[in-house]
Amino acid sequence: MRVVYTDPAWAFDAQGQPDLALADIERSVFGTDIDLSLGLFDGRYKVRGKDFHDHVRGADALVIYRCQVTQELLEAIEPTCRVIARSGVGIDNLNAPLLGGTGIVSFNVPDYCVDEVSTHTLALLLALERKVCTQDRLVKTNQWNIHAGGVPRRVSACTAGIIGFGRIGRATARKLQAFYQTIIAYDPYVSADLMAGYGVTAATDLAELFGTADAVVIHAALTDETDRLIDAAALAAVRPGALLVNTARGRLVDPAAVLEALEAGRLGGFGSDVFTPEDPNDDPTARKLLNREDVVVSAHRAFLSIESERSCRRRVAEGVASVLAGGPPPAAGRVT
């Protein structure tokens, strides 16, 4: 049997090239009876087109990272493929509606990086609150000025809001409570009673949350319902000077609306680990955000730690091995 990892971020050697020798965890799980392959690479992984589809053809299992499940991909891997695993939390690129009628099992790893993402969220937010990145740049370029970037506010008198109260939203709530006076959250699929159990007050809608919170963090899943959830209409209700941080999915936020709100002074700052496209330098609007002092970004690495990466790799490999051996996928992460 053949397992193809289409675009694994962990597989790069010191020269920036994919190296199958780094698949120590995968080899320990699969043994020697399974042929393990990496994706096509030409400066970056190819995850679409004829060459890519020819490469994955005949695979019994795919492990995808950023790769998108499409009709063309399915046509290339059917009828041999039995399982597609998403190496990560989000399932938007698994394309569950498309997989639903194929009989191909799919799963993700929904909880391997709860601590990392919630911590990274606080890192971006507190960097904005305390003007850390502006100060860092200025001091390093011989521009010492304690007031540069503006005078911070006292966060212990402020309210923080959370959009999406799943695993990561709940972990973030606990961490926010160490800094902010009040925590509120909006999630139409989570009861106010459950939020109260975490010391969080439920907002009835986005307008109430944006109108109340001094800082807002986003932990919602990307679905058709939440695509561009944070748009100009949502940000029209924002409390003046509020901060916004996104460590969930890039398409949850309309960058043009964020830019306009920053330029108008309604938003006091924006922090993001995620963009669409992945690299914000590839998008003209996002590039304008990068040039602003009130914007702090990172390269979609909120999930990352030595421990989280190795855990995710092992759990993915074990789930794939289970399905190929005739067993079930991980119950917590099964999608189809």
C-alpha atoms as a PDB file:
ATOM      1  CA  MET A   1       0.000   0.000   0.000  1.00  0.00           C
ATOM      2  CA  ARG A   2       1.063   3.573  -0.694  1.00  0.00           C
ATOM      3  CA  VAL A   3       0.579   6.630   1.533  1.00  0.00           C
ATOM      4  CA  VAL A   4       1.285  10.079   0.059  1.00  0.00           C
ATOM      5  CA  TYR A   5       1.924  13.126   2.229  1.00  0.00           C
ATOM      6  CA  THR A   6       1.058  15.860  -0.270  1.00  0.00           C
ATOM      7  CA  ASP A   7       2.620  18.914   1.395  1.00  0.00           C
ATOM      8  CA  PRO A   8       4.103  18.176   4.843  1.00  0.00           C
ATOM      9  CA  ALA A   9       5.654  21.223   6.512  1.00  0.00           C
ATOM     10  CA  TRP A  10       7.736  19.031   8.846  1.00  0.00           C
ATOM     11  CA  ALA A  11       9.641  17.274   6.063  1.00  0.00           C
ATOM     12  CA  PHE A  12      12.144  20.006   5.088  1.00  0.00           C
ATOM     13  CA  ASP A  13      15.859  19.495   5.644  1.00  0.00           C
ATOM     14  CA  ALA A  14      18.431  22.184   6.476  1.00  0.00           C
ATOM     15  CA  GLN A  15      18.584  23.168   2.778  1.00  0.00           C
ATOM     16  CA  GLY A  16      14.807  23.653   2.578  1.00  0.00           C
ATOM     17  CA  GLN A  17      14.184  20.496   0.563  1.00  0.00           C
ATOM     18  CA  PRO A  18      11.683  17.724   1.426  1.00  0.00           C
ATOM     19  CA  ASP A  19      13.536  14.737   2.845  1.00  0.00           C
ATOM     20  CA  LEU A  20      11.800  11.405   3.432  1.00  0.00           C
ATOM     21  CA  ALA A  21      14.517  10.488   5.926  1.00  0.00           C
ATOM     22  CA  LEU A  22      12.848  12.900   8.361  1.00  0.00           C
ATOM     23  CA  ALA A  23       9.727  10.705   8.507  1.00  0.00           C
ATOM     24  CA  ASP A  24      10.874   8.912  11.658  1.00  0.00           C
ATOM     25  CA  ILE A  25       7.501   9.027  13.381  1.00  0.00           C
ATOM     26  CA  GLU A  26       5.682   7.860  10.280  1.00  0.00           C
ATOM     27  CA  ARG A  27       8.083   4.951   9.744  1.00  0.00           C
ATOM     28  CA  SER A  28       7.666   3.860  13.349  1.00  0.00           C
ATOM     29  CA  VAL A  29       3.893   3.703  12.864  1.00  0.00           C
ATOM     30  CA  PHE A  30       3.638   2.304   9.326  1.00  0.00           C
ATOM     31  CA  GLY A  31       6.561  -0.100   9.459  1.00  0.00           C
ATOM     32  CA  THR A  32       8.142  -1.352   6.268  1.00  0.00           C
ATOM     33  CA  ASP A  33       5.054  -2.746   4.517  1.00  0.00           C
ATOM     34  CA  ILE A  34       3.720   0.646   3.448  1.00  0.00           C
ATOM     35  CA  ASP A  35       5.329   2.721   0.696  1.00  0.00           C
ATOM     36  CA  LEU A  36       5.635   6.266   2.023  1.00  0.00           C
ATOM     37  CA  SER A  37       5.889   9.188  -0.444  1.00  0.00           C
ATOM     38  CA  LEU A  38       6.131  12.955  -0.190  1.00  0.00           C
ATOM     39  CA  GLY A  39       4.485  15.412  -2.560  1.00  0.00           C
ATOM     40  CA  LEU A  40       5.946  17.070  -5.630  1.00  0.00           C
ATOM     41  CA  PHE A  41       8.201  20.013  -4.813  1.00  0.00           C
ATOM     42  CA  ASP A  42       9.563  22.787  -7.020  1.00  0.00           C
ATOM     43  CA  GLY A  43      10.419  25.644  -4.696  1.00  0.00           C
ATOM     44  CA  ARG A  44       7.066  24.931  -3.057  1.00  0.00           C
ATOM     45  CA  TYR A  45       4.786  21.924  -2.974  1.00  0.00           C
ATOM     46  CA  LYS A  46       2.629  21.390  -6.048  1.00  0.00           C
ATOM     47  CA  VAL A  47      -0.893  20.586  -4.872  1.00  0.00           C
ATOM     48  CA  ARG A  48      -2.813  20.898  -8.129  1.00  0.00           C
ATOM     49  CA  GLY A  49      -2.385  20.243 -11.842  1.00  0.00           C
ATOM     50  CA  LYS A  50      -1.730  17.196 -14.001  1.00  0.00           C
ATOM     51  CA  ASP A  51       1.735  16.401 -12.618  1.00  0.00           C
ATOM     52  CA  PHE A  52       0.418  16.428  -9.067  1.00  0.00           C
ATOM     53  CA  HIS A  53      -2.588  14.302  -9.937  1.00  0.00           C
ATOM     54  CA  ASP A  54      -0.372  11.791 -11.738  1.00  0.00           C
ATOM     55  CA  HIS A  55       1.869  11.675  -8.663  1.00  0.00           C
ATOM     56  CA  VAL A  56      -0.934  10.787  -6.236  1.00  0.00           C
ATOM     57  CA  ARG A  57      -2.725   8.415  -8.603  1.00  0.00           C
ATOM     58  CA  GLY A  58      -2.996   4.941  -7.120  1.00  0.00           C
ATOM     59  CA  ALA A  59      -2.442   6.056  -3.538  1.00  0.00           C
ATOM     60  CA  ASP A  60      -4.262   4.123  -0.823  1.00  0.00           C
ATOM     61  CA  ALA A  61      -4.147   7.110   1.522  1.00  0.00           C
ATOM     62  CA  LEU A  62      -3.452  10.837   1.353  1.00  0.00           C
ATOM     63  CA  VAL A  63      -2.287  13.079   4.161  1.00  0.00           C
ATOM     64  CA  ILE A  64      -2.957  16.714   3.295  1.00  0.00           C
ATOM     65  CA  TYR A  65      -1.859  19.932   4.981  1.00  0.00           C
ATOM     66  CA  ARG A  66      -2.742  22.958   2.858  1.00  0.00           C
ATOM     67  CA  CYS A  67      -3.719  20.842  -0.164  1.00  0.00           C
ATOM     68  CA  GLN A  68      -7.370  21.251  -1.191  1.00  0.00           C
ATOM     69  CA  VAL A  69      -9.590  18.270  -1.947  1.00  0.00           C
ATOM     70  CA  THR A  70     -11.143  18.925  -5.371  1.00  0.00           C
ATOM     71  CA  GLN A  71     -13.113  16.925  -7.898  1.00  0.00           C
ATOM     72  CA  GLU A  72      -9.961  16.616 -10.026  1.00  0.00           C
ATOM     73  CA  LEU A  73      -8.025  15.216  -7.076  1.00  0.00           C
ATOM     74  CA  LEU A  74     -10.762  12.682  -6.356  1.00  0.00           C
ATOM     75  CA  GLU A  75     -10.772  11.529  -9.968  1.00  0.00           C
ATOM     76  CA  ALA A  76      -7.021  10.946  -9.691  1.00  0.00           C
ATOM     77  CA  ILE A  77      -7.127   8.883  -6.482  1.00  0.00           C
ATOM     78  CA  GLU A  78     -10.295   6.845  -7.018  1.00  0.00           C
ATOM     79  CA  PRO A  79     -10.874   3.946  -6.707  1.00  0.00           C
ATOM     80  CA  THR A  80      -7.747   3.063  -4.717  1.00  0.00           C
ATOM     81  CA  CYS A  81      -7.809   5.725  -1.993  1.00  0.00           C
ATOM     82  CA  ARG A  82      -9.490   4.674   1.248  1.00  0.00           C
ATOM     83  CA  VAL A  83      -8.629   7.531   3.589  1.00  0.00           C
ATOM     84  CA  ILE A  84      -7.660  11.214   3.500  1.00  0.00           C
ATOM     85  CA  ALA A  85      -6.259  12.710   6.684  1.00  0.00           C
ATOM     86  CA  ARG A  86      -5.969  16.424   7.369  1.00  0.00           C
ATOM     87  CA  SER A  87      -2.785  17.162   9.286  1.00  0.00           C
ATOM     88  CA  GLY A  88      -4.316  19.916  11.388  1.00  0.00           C
ATOM     89  CA  VAL A  89      -7.438  21.250  13.072  1.00  0.00           C
ATOM     90  CA  GLY A  90      -9.395  22.883  10.255  1.00  0.00           C
ATOM     91  CA  ILE A  91     -11.458  20.787   7.866  1.00  0.00           C
ATOM     92  CA  ASP A  92     -12.381  23.360   5.215  1.00  0.00           C
ATOM     93  CA  ASN A  93      -9.831  21.991   2.731  1.00  0.00           C
ATOM     94  CA  LEU A  94     -11.055  18.409   3.275  1.00  0.00           C
ATOM     95  CA  ASN A  95     -14.205  19.452   1.379  1.00  0.00           C
ATOM     96  CA  ALA A  96     -16.568  17.175   3.300  1.00  0.00           C
ATOM     97  CA  PRO A  97     -19.558  17.749   0.964  1.00  0.00           C
ATOM     98  CA  LEU A  98     -17.478  16.489  -1.961  1.00  0.00           C
ATOM     99  CA  LEU A  99     -16.099  13.495  -0.042  1.00  0.00           C
ATOM    100  CA  GLY A 100     -19.474  12.560   1.416  1.00  0.00           C
ATOM    101  CA  GLY A 101     -20.624  10.316  -1.386  1.00  0.00           C
ATOM    102  CA  THR A 102     -17.296   8.690  -2.223  1.00  0.00           C
ATOM    103  CA  GLY A 103     -16.874   6.224   0.626  1.00  0.00           C
ATOM    104  CA  ILE A 104     -13.452   7.689   1.372  1.00  0.00           C
ATOM    105  CA  VAL A 105     -12.921   8.092   5.111  1.00  0.00           C
ATOM    106  CA  SER A 106     -11.557  11.449   6.212  1.00  0.00           C
ATOM    107  CA  PHE A 107     -10.451  12.823   9.560  1.00  0.00           C
ATOM    108  CA  ASN A 108      -8.565  15.679  11.171  1.00  0.00           C
ATOM    109  CA  VAL A 109      -6.800  16.180  14.521  1.00  0.00           C
ATOM    110  CA  PRO A 110      -9.045  18.713  16.264  1.00  0.00           C
ATOM    111  CA  ASP A 111      -7.264  19.164  19.579  1.00  0.00           C
ATOM    112  CA  TYR A 112      -3.508  18.709  19.207  1.00  0.00           C
ATOM    113  CA  CYS A 113      -2.601  22.422  19.442  1.00  0.00           C
ATOM    114  CA  VAL A 114      -5.165  23.973  21.789  1.00  0.00           C
ATOM    115  CA  ASP A 115      -2.455  25.254  24.141  1.00  0.00           C
ATOM    116  CA  GLU A 116      -0.276  26.600  21.329  1.00  0.00           C
ATOM    117  CA  VAL A 117      -2.993  28.512  19.448  1.00  0.00           C
ATOM    118  CA  SER A 118      -4.479  30.040  22.592  1.00  0.00           C
ATOM    119  CA  THR A 119      -1.013  31.119  23.745  1.00  0.00           C
ATOM    120  CA  HIS A 120      -0.161  32.579  20.328  1.00  0.00           C
ATOM    121  CA  THR A 121      -3.434  34.503  20.380  1.00  0.00           C
ATOM    122  CA  LEU A 122      -2.418  36.130  23.654  1.00  0.00           C
ATOM    123  CA  ALA A 123       1.063  36.834  22.258  1.00  0.00           C
ATOM    124  CA  LEU A 124      -0.341  38.789  19.295  1.00  0.00           C
ATOM    125  CA  LEU A 125      -2.905  40.567  21.432  1.00  0.00           C
ATOM    126  CA  LEU A 126      -0.473  41.627  24.160  1.00  0.00           C
ATOM    127  CA  ALA A 127       2.074  42.717  21.541  1.00  0.00           C
ATOM    128  CA  LEU A 128      -0.606  45.074  20.199  1.00  0.00           C
ATOM    129  CA  GLU A 129      -1.672  46.205  23.658  1.00  0.00           C
ATOM    130  CA  ARG A 130       1.874  47.053  24.765  1.00  0.00           C
ATOM    131  CA  LYS A 131       3.132  48.305  21.340  1.00  0.00           C
ATOM    132  CA  VAL A 132       5.952  45.753  21.564  1.00  0.00           C
ATOM    133  CA  CYS A 133       6.718  45.400  17.863  1.00  0.00           C
ATOM    134  CA  THR A 134       6.852  49.143  17.245  1.00  0.00           C
ATOM    135  CA  GLN A 135       9.141  49.627  20.230  1.00  0.00           C
ATOM    136  CA  ASP A 136      11.353  46.717  19.166  1.00  0.00           C
ATOM    137  CA  ARG A 137      11.855  48.144  15.683  1.00  0.00           C
ATOM    138  CA  LEU A 138      12.556  51.681  16.866  1.00  0.00           C
ATOM    139  CA  VAL A 139      14.978  50.819  19.654  1.00  0.00           C
ATOM    140  CA  LYS A 140      16.928  48.514  17.325  1.00  0.00           C
ATOM    141  CA  THR A 141      17.276  51.360  14.816  1.00  0.00           C
ATOM    142  CA  ASN A 142      18.563  53.850  17.409  1.00  0.00           C
ATOM    143  CA  GLN A 143      15.191  55.618  17.853  1.00  0.00           C
ATOM    144  CA  TRP A 144      14.744  55.422  21.616  1.00  0.00           C
ATOM    145  CA  ASN A 145      11.375  56.884  22.622  1.00  0.00           C
ATOM    146  CA  ILE A 146       9.213  55.492  25.411  1.00  0.00           C
ATOM    147  CA  HIS A 147       6.055  57.082  23.981  1.00  0.00           C
ATOM    148  CA  ALA A 148       6.548  55.887  20.380  1.00  0.00           C
ATOM    149  CA  GLY A 149       3.582  53.897  19.152  1.00  0.00           C
ATOM    150  CA  GLY A 150       1.275  55.533  21.644  1.00  0.00           C
ATOM    151  CA  VAL A 151       0.682  55.135  25.378  1.00  0.00           C
ATOM    152  CA  PRO A 152      -0.847  51.735  26.222  1.00  0.00           C
ATOM    153  CA  ARG A 153      -4.031  51.331  28.213  1.00  0.00           C
ATOM    154  CA  ARG A 154      -4.452  49.355  31.428  1.00  0.00           C
ATOM    155  CA  VAL A 155      -5.836  46.014  30.224  1.00  0.00           C
ATOM    156  CA  SER A 156      -7.033  44.948  33.675  1.00  0.00           C
ATOM    157  CA  ALA A 157      -9.826  47.507  33.260  1.00  0.00           C
ATOM    158  CA  CYS A 158     -10.795  46.256  29.779  1.00  0.00           C
ATOM    159  CA  THR A 159     -13.179  43.708  28.265  1.00  0.00           C
ATOM    160  CA  ALA A 160     -12.026  40.984  25.860  1.00  0.00           C
ATOM    161  CA  GLY A 161     -14.376  39.269  23.421  1.00  0.00           C
ATOM    162  CA  ILE A 162     -14.087  35.846  21.808  1.00  0.00           C
ATOM    163  CA  ILE A 163     -15.760  34.835  18.537  1.00  0.00           C
ATOM    164  CA  GLY A 164     -16.121  31.048  18.552  1.00  0.00           C
ATOM    165  CA  PHE A 165     -16.212  29.175  21.846  1.00  0.00           C
ATOM    166  CA  GLY A 166     -14.939  25.724  20.952  1.00  0.00           C
ATOM    167  CA  ARG A 167     -11.852  24.003  22.358  1.00  0.00           C
ATOM    168  CA  ILE A 168      -9.448  26.830  21.548  1.00  0.00           C
ATOM    169  CA  GLY A 169     -11.889  29.605  22.420  1.00  0.00           C
ATOM    170  CA  ARG A 170     -12.369  28.091  25.872  1.00  0.00           C
ATOM    171  CA  ALA A 171      -8.630  27.729  26.459  1.00  0.00           C
ATOM    172  CA  THR A 172      -8.109  31.326  25.357  1.00  0.00           C
ATOM    173  CA  ALA A 173     -10.823  32.501  27.751  1.00  0.00           C
ATOM    174  CA  ARG A 174      -8.911  31.064  30.701  1.00  0.00           C
ATOM    175  CA  LYS A 175      -5.725  32.832  29.619  1.00  0.00           C
ATOM    176  CA  LEU A 176      -7.456  36.129  28.910  1.00  0.00           C
ATOM    177  CA  GLN A 177      -8.846  36.130  32.439  1.00  0.00           C
ATOM    178  CA  ALA A 178      -5.336  36.641  33.787  1.00  0.00           C
ATOM    179  CA  PHE A 179      -5.150  40.020  32.007  1.00  0.00           C
ATOM    180  CA  TYR A 180      -8.637  41.401  31.279  1.00  0.00           C
ATOM    181  CA  GLN A 181     -11.357  42.391  33.695  1.00  0.00           C
ATOM    182  CA  THR A 182     -14.269  40.837  31.788  1.00  0.00           C
ATOM    183  CA  ILE A 183     -14.532  38.161  29.105  1.00  0.00           C
ATOM    184  CA  ILE A 184     -17.494  37.889  26.729  1.00  0.00           C
ATOM    185  CA  ALA A 185     -18.049  35.511  23.820  1.00  0.00           C
ATOM    186  CA  TYR A 186     -20.260  35.012  20.796  1.00  0.00           C
ATOM    187  CA  ASP A 187     -21.014  31.541  19.470  1.00  0.00           C
ATOM    188  CA  PRO A 188     -24.563  30.708  18.307  1.00  0.00           C
ATOM    189  CA  TYR A 189     -23.866  26.990  18.827  1.00  0.00           C
ATOM    190  CA  VAL A 190     -22.732  27.201  22.454  1.00  0.00           C
ATOM    191  CA  SER A 191     -25.109  27.901  25.340  1.00  0.00           C
ATOM    192  CA  ALA A 192     -24.760  30.802  27.737  1.00  0.00           C
ATOM    193  CA  ASP A 193     -24.766  28.234  30.543  1.00  0.00           C
ATOM    194  CA  LEU A 194     -21.638  26.537  29.232  1.00  0.00           C
ATOM    195  CA  MET A 195     -19.911  29.900  28.784  1.00  0.00           C
ATOM    196  CA  ALA A 196     -20.836  30.804  32.352  1.00  0.00           C
ATOM    197  CA  GLY A 197     -19.037  27.672  33.477  1.00  0.00           C
ATOM    198  CA  TYR A 198     -15.847  29.222  32.115  1.00  0.00           C
ATOM    199  CA  GLY A 199     -16.528  32.601  33.731  1.00  0.00           C
ATOM    200  CA  VAL A 200     -17.574  34.088  30.381  1.00  0.00           C
ATOM    201  CA  THR A 201     -20.668  36.139  29.542  1.00  0.00           C
ATOM    202  CA  ALA A 202     -22.520  35.330  26.315  1.00  0.00           C
ATOM    203  CA  ALA A 203     -23.106  38.057  23.741  1.00  0.00           C
ATOM    204  CA  THR A 204     -26.355  37.758  21.828  1.00  0.00           C
ATOM    205  CA  ASP A 205     -24.810  38.717  18.485  1.00  0.00           C
ATOM    206  CA  LEU A 206     -21.673  40.077  16.825  1.00  0.00           C
ATOM    207  CA  ALA A 207     -22.857  43.670  17.108  1.00  0.00           C
ATOM    208  CA  GLU A 208     -23.144  43.363  20.887  1.00  0.00           C
ATOM    209  CA  LEU A 209     -19.718  41.751  21.154  1.00  0.00           C
ATOM    210  CA  PHE A 210     -17.988  44.365  18.962  1.00  0.00           C
ATOM    211  CA  GLY A 211     -19.791  47.190  20.690  1.00  0.00           C
ATOM    212  CA  THR A 212     -18.707  45.988  24.141  1.00  0.00           C
ATOM    213  CA  ALA A 213     -15.220  44.519  23.794  1.00  0.00           C
ATOM    214  CA  ASP A 214     -11.970  46.475  23.904  1.00  0.00           C
ATOM    215  CA  ALA A 215     -10.215  43.531  22.252  1.00  0.00           C
ATOM    216  CA  VAL A 216     -11.674  40.747  20.092  1.00  0.00           C
ATOM    217  CA  VAL A 217     -10.058  37.403  19.236  1.00  0.00           C
ATOM    218  CA  ILE A 218     -11.365  35.046  16.562  1.00  0.00           C
ATOM    219  CA  HIS A 219     -11.539  31.272  17.045  1.00  0.00           C
ATOM    220  CA  ALA A 220     -14.443  30.359  14.752  1.00  0.00           C
ATOM    221  CA  ALA A 221     -14.371  27.515  12.249  1.00  0.00           C
ATOM    222  CA  LEU A 222     -14.434  28.407   8.563  1.00  0.00           C
ATOM    223  CA  THR A 223     -17.725  27.353   6.955  1.00  0.00           C
ATOM    224  CA  ASP A 224     -20.005  28.779   4.276  1.00  0.00           C
ATOM    225  CA  GLU A 225     -21.782  30.573   7.121  1.00  0.00           C
ATOM    226  CA  THR A 226     -18.630  32.200   8.528  1.00  0.00           C
ATOM    227  CA  ASP A 227     -16.818  33.049   5.284  1.00  0.00           C
ATOM    228  CA  ARG A 228     -15.959  36.776   5.585  1.00  0.00           C
ATOM    229  CA  LEU A 229     -17.824  36.872   8.900  1.00  0.00           C
ATOM    230  CA  ILE A 230     -15.826  39.930   9.907  1.00  0.00           C
ATOM    231  CA  ASP A 231     -16.719  42.356   7.153  1.00  0.00           C
ATOM    232  CA  ALA A 232     -17.484  46.075   6.928  1.00  0.00           C
ATOM    233  CA  ALA A 233     -20.946  45.588   8.416  1.00  0.00           C
ATOM    234  CA  ALA A 234     -19.566  43.730  11.434  1.00  0.00           C
ATOM    235  CA  LEU A 235     -16.792  46.250  12.003  1.00  0.00           C
ATOM    236  CA  ALA A 236     -19.252  49.157  11.816  1.00  0.00           C
ATOM    237  CA  ALA A 237     -20.291  48.194  15.346  1.00  0.00           C
ATOM    238  CA  VAL A 238     -16.765  48.042  16.741  1.00  0.00           C
ATOM    239  CA  ARG A 239     -15.951  49.939  19.906  1.00  0.00           C
ATOM    240  CA  PRO A 240     -13.559  52.796  18.982  1.00  0.00           C
ATOM    241  CA  GLY A 241      -9.935  51.768  19.439  1.00  0.00           C
ATOM    242  CA  ALA A 242     -10.675  48.061  19.854  1.00  0.00           C
ATOM    243  CA  LEU A 243      -8.049  45.503  18.858  1.00  0.00           C
ATOM    244  CA  LEU A 244      -8.798  42.527  16.589  1.00  0.00           C
ATOM    245  CA  VAL A 245      -6.768  39.281  16.472  1.00  0.00           C
ATOM    246  CA  ASN A 246      -7.324  36.345  14.093  1.00  0.00           C
ATOM    247  CA  THR A 247      -5.600  33.006  14.672  1.00  0.00           C
ATOM    248  CA  ALA A 248      -8.326  30.886  13.065  1.00  0.00           C
ATOM    249  CA  ARG A 249      -8.704  31.136   9.268  1.00  0.00           C
ATOM    250  CA  GLY A 250      -7.849  33.954   6.887  1.00  0.00           C
ATOM    251  CA  ARG A 251     -11.188  33.903   5.070  1.00  0.00           C
ATOM    252  CA  LEU A 252     -13.063  34.687   8.280  1.00  0.00           C
ATOM    253  CA  VAL A 253     -11.894  38.285   7.907  1.00  0.00           C
ATOM    254  CA  ASP A 254     -12.253  40.716   5.006  1.00  0.00           C
ATOM    255  CA  PRO A 255      -8.847  42.456   4.887  1.00  0.00           C
ATOM    256  CA  ALA A 256     -10.254  45.441   2.997  1.00  0.00           C
ATOM    257  CA  ALA A 257     -12.774  46.019   5.787  1.00  0.00           C
ATOM    258  CA  VAL A 258     -10.029  45.772   8.408  1.00  0.00           C
ATOM    259  CA  LEU A 259      -7.836  48.215   6.488  1.00  0.00           C
ATOM    260  CA  GLU A 260     -10.681  50.705   6.199  1.00  0.00           C
ATOM    261  CA  ALA A 261     -11.489  50.405   9.918  1.00  0.00           C
ATOM    262  CA  LEU A 262      -7.836  50.973  10.825  1.00  0.00           C
ATOM    263  CA  GLU A 263      -7.562  53.977   8.511  1.00  0.00           C
ATOM    264  CA  ALA A 264     -10.761  55.437   9.955  1.00  0.00           C
ATOM    265  CA  GLY A 265      -9.506  54.948  13.501  1.00  0.00           C
ATOM    266  CA  ARG A 266     -12.342  52.629  14.520  1.00  0.00           C
ATOM    267  CA  LEU A 267      -9.921  49.734  15.037  1.00  0.00           C
ATOM    268  CA  GLY A 268      -6.898  50.420  17.195  1.00  0.00           C
ATOM    269  CA  GLY A 269      -4.866  47.500  15.863  1.00  0.00           C
ATOM    270  CA  PHE A 270      -4.974  44.167  14.053  1.00  0.00           C
ATOM    271  CA  GLY A 271      -3.034  40.978  14.698  1.00  0.00           C
ATOM    272  CA  SER A 272      -3.220  37.960  12.435  1.00  0.00           C
ATOM    273  CA  ASP A 273      -1.554  34.598  11.999  1.00  0.00           C
ATOM    274  CA  VAL A 274      -3.678  33.709   8.969  1.00  0.00           C
ATOM    275  CA  PHE A 275      -4.453  35.210   5.568  1.00  0.00           C
ATOM    276  CA  THR A 276      -5.948  34.173   2.247  1.00  0.00           C
ATOM    277  CA  PRO A 277      -3.788  33.653   0.259  1.00  0.00           C
ATOM    278  CA  GLU A 278      -1.465  32.110   2.844  1.00  0.00           C
ATOM    279  CA  ASP A 279       1.303  34.660   2.352  1.00  0.00           C
ATOM    280  CA  PRO A 280      -0.187  38.151   2.752  1.00  0.00           C
ATOM    281  CA  ASN A 281       2.549  39.516   0.488  1.00  0.00           C
ATOM    282  CA  ASP A 282       0.690  37.823  -2.385  1.00  0.00           C
ATOM    283  CA  ASP A 283      -2.406  39.983  -1.875  1.00  0.00           C
ATOM    284  CA  PRO A 284      -2.391  43.755  -2.635  1.00  0.00           C
ATOM    285  CA  THR A 285      -4.790  44.643   0.180  1.00  0.00           C
ATOM    286  CA  ALA A 286      -3.004  42.520   2.771  1.00  0.00           C
ATOM    287  CA  ARG A 287       0.312  44.094   1.752  1.00  0.00           C
ATOM    288  CA  LYS A 288      -1.102  47.468   2.758  1.00  0.00           C
ATOM    289  CA  LEU A 289      -1.880  46.030   6.188  1.00  0.00           C
ATOM    290  CA  LEU A 290       1.711  44.809   6.540  1.00  0.00           C
ATOM    291  CA  ASN A 291       3.036  48.332   6.169  1.00  0.00           C
ATOM    292  CA  ARG A 292       1.113  49.632   9.184  1.00  0.00           C
ATOM    293  CA  GLU A 293       2.578  50.071  12.665  1.00  0.00           C
ATOM    294  CA  ASP A 294      -0.718  48.997  14.224  1.00  0.00           C
ATOM    295  CA  VAL A 295      -0.611  45.564  12.563  1.00  0.00           C
ATOM    296  CA  VAL A 296       1.265  42.536  13.938  1.00  0.00           C
ATOM    297  CA  VAL A 297       1.448  39.313  11.921  1.00  0.00           C
ATOM    298  CA  SER A 298       2.983  35.840  11.887  1.00  0.00           C
ATOM    299  CA  ALA A 299       3.255  33.115   9.244  1.00  0.00           C
ATOM    300  CA  HIS A 300       0.384  30.740  10.130  1.00  0.00           C
ATOM    301  CA  ARG A 301       2.373  29.134  12.954  1.00  0.00           C
ATOM    302  CA  ALA A 302       0.073  29.567  15.955  1.00  0.00           C
ATOM    303  CA  PHE A 303      -0.266  25.774  16.096  1.00  0.00           C
ATOM    304  CA  LEU A 304       3.462  25.179  16.218  1.00  0.00           C
ATOM    305  CA  SER A 305       5.575  23.669  18.957  1.00  0.00           C
ATOM    306  CA  ILE A 306       7.917  20.697  19.029  1.00  0.00           C
ATOM    307  CA  GLU A 307       5.355  18.766  21.039  1.00  0.00           C
ATOM    308  CA  SER A 308       2.285  19.691  18.996  1.00  0.00           C
ATOM    309  CA  GLU A 309       3.912  18.909  15.670  1.00  0.00           C
ATOM    310  CA  ARG A 310       5.135  15.485  16.746  1.00  0.00           C
ATOM    311  CA  SER A 311       1.803  14.654  18.382  1.00  0.00           C
ATOM    312  CA  CYS A 312      -0.127  15.590  15.258  1.00  0.00           C
ATOM    313  CA  ARG A 313       2.164  13.550  13.032  1.00  0.00           C
ATOM    314  CA  ARG A 314       1.820  10.462  15.214  1.00  0.00           C
ATOM    315  CA  ARG A 315      -1.951  10.731  15.542  1.00  0.00           C
ATOM    316  CA  VAL A 316      -2.368  11.200  11.779  1.00  0.00           C
ATOM    317  CA  ALA A 317      -0.181   8.206  10.990  1.00  0.00           C
ATOM    318  CA  GLU A 318      -1.931   6.020  13.552  1.00  0.00           C
ATOM    319  CA  GLY A 319      -5.345   7.000  12.173  1.00  0.00           C
ATOM    320  CA  VAL A 320      -4.320   6.251   8.594  1.00  0.00           C
ATOM    321  CA  ALA A 321      -2.755   2.937   9.619  1.00  0.00           C
ATOM    322  CA  SER A 322      -5.946   1.964  11.448  1.00  0.00           C
ATOM    323  CA  VAL A 323      -8.147   2.587   8.401  1.00  0.00           C
ATOM    324  CA  LEU A 324      -5.775   0.772   6.045  1.00  0.00           C
ATOM    325  CA  ALA A 325      -5.824  -2.210   8.424  1.00  0.00           C
ATOM    326  CA  GLY A 326      -9.638  -2.304   8.284  1.00  0.00           C
ATOM    327  CA  GLY A 327     -10.243  -0.425  11.518  1.00  0.00           C
ATOM    328  CA  PRO A 328     -11.908   2.908  12.308  1.00  0.00           C
ATOM    329  CA  PRO A 329     -10.433   6.405  12.064  1.00  0.00           C
ATOM    330  CA  PRO A 330     -10.001   8.455  15.254  1.00  0.00           C
ATOM    331  CA  ALA A 331     -13.482   9.054  16.631  1.00  0.00           C
ATOM    332  CA  ALA A 332     -12.778  12.620  17.762  1.00  0.00           C
ATOM    333  CA  GLY A 333     -11.674  13.779  14.332  1.00  0.00           C
ATOM    334  CA  ARG A 334     -13.805  11.792  11.881  1.00  0.00           C
ATOM    335  CA  VAL A 335     -15.288  14.000   9.151  1.00  0.00           C
ATOM    336  CA  THR A 336     -16.647  11.450   6.607  1.00  0.00           C
END
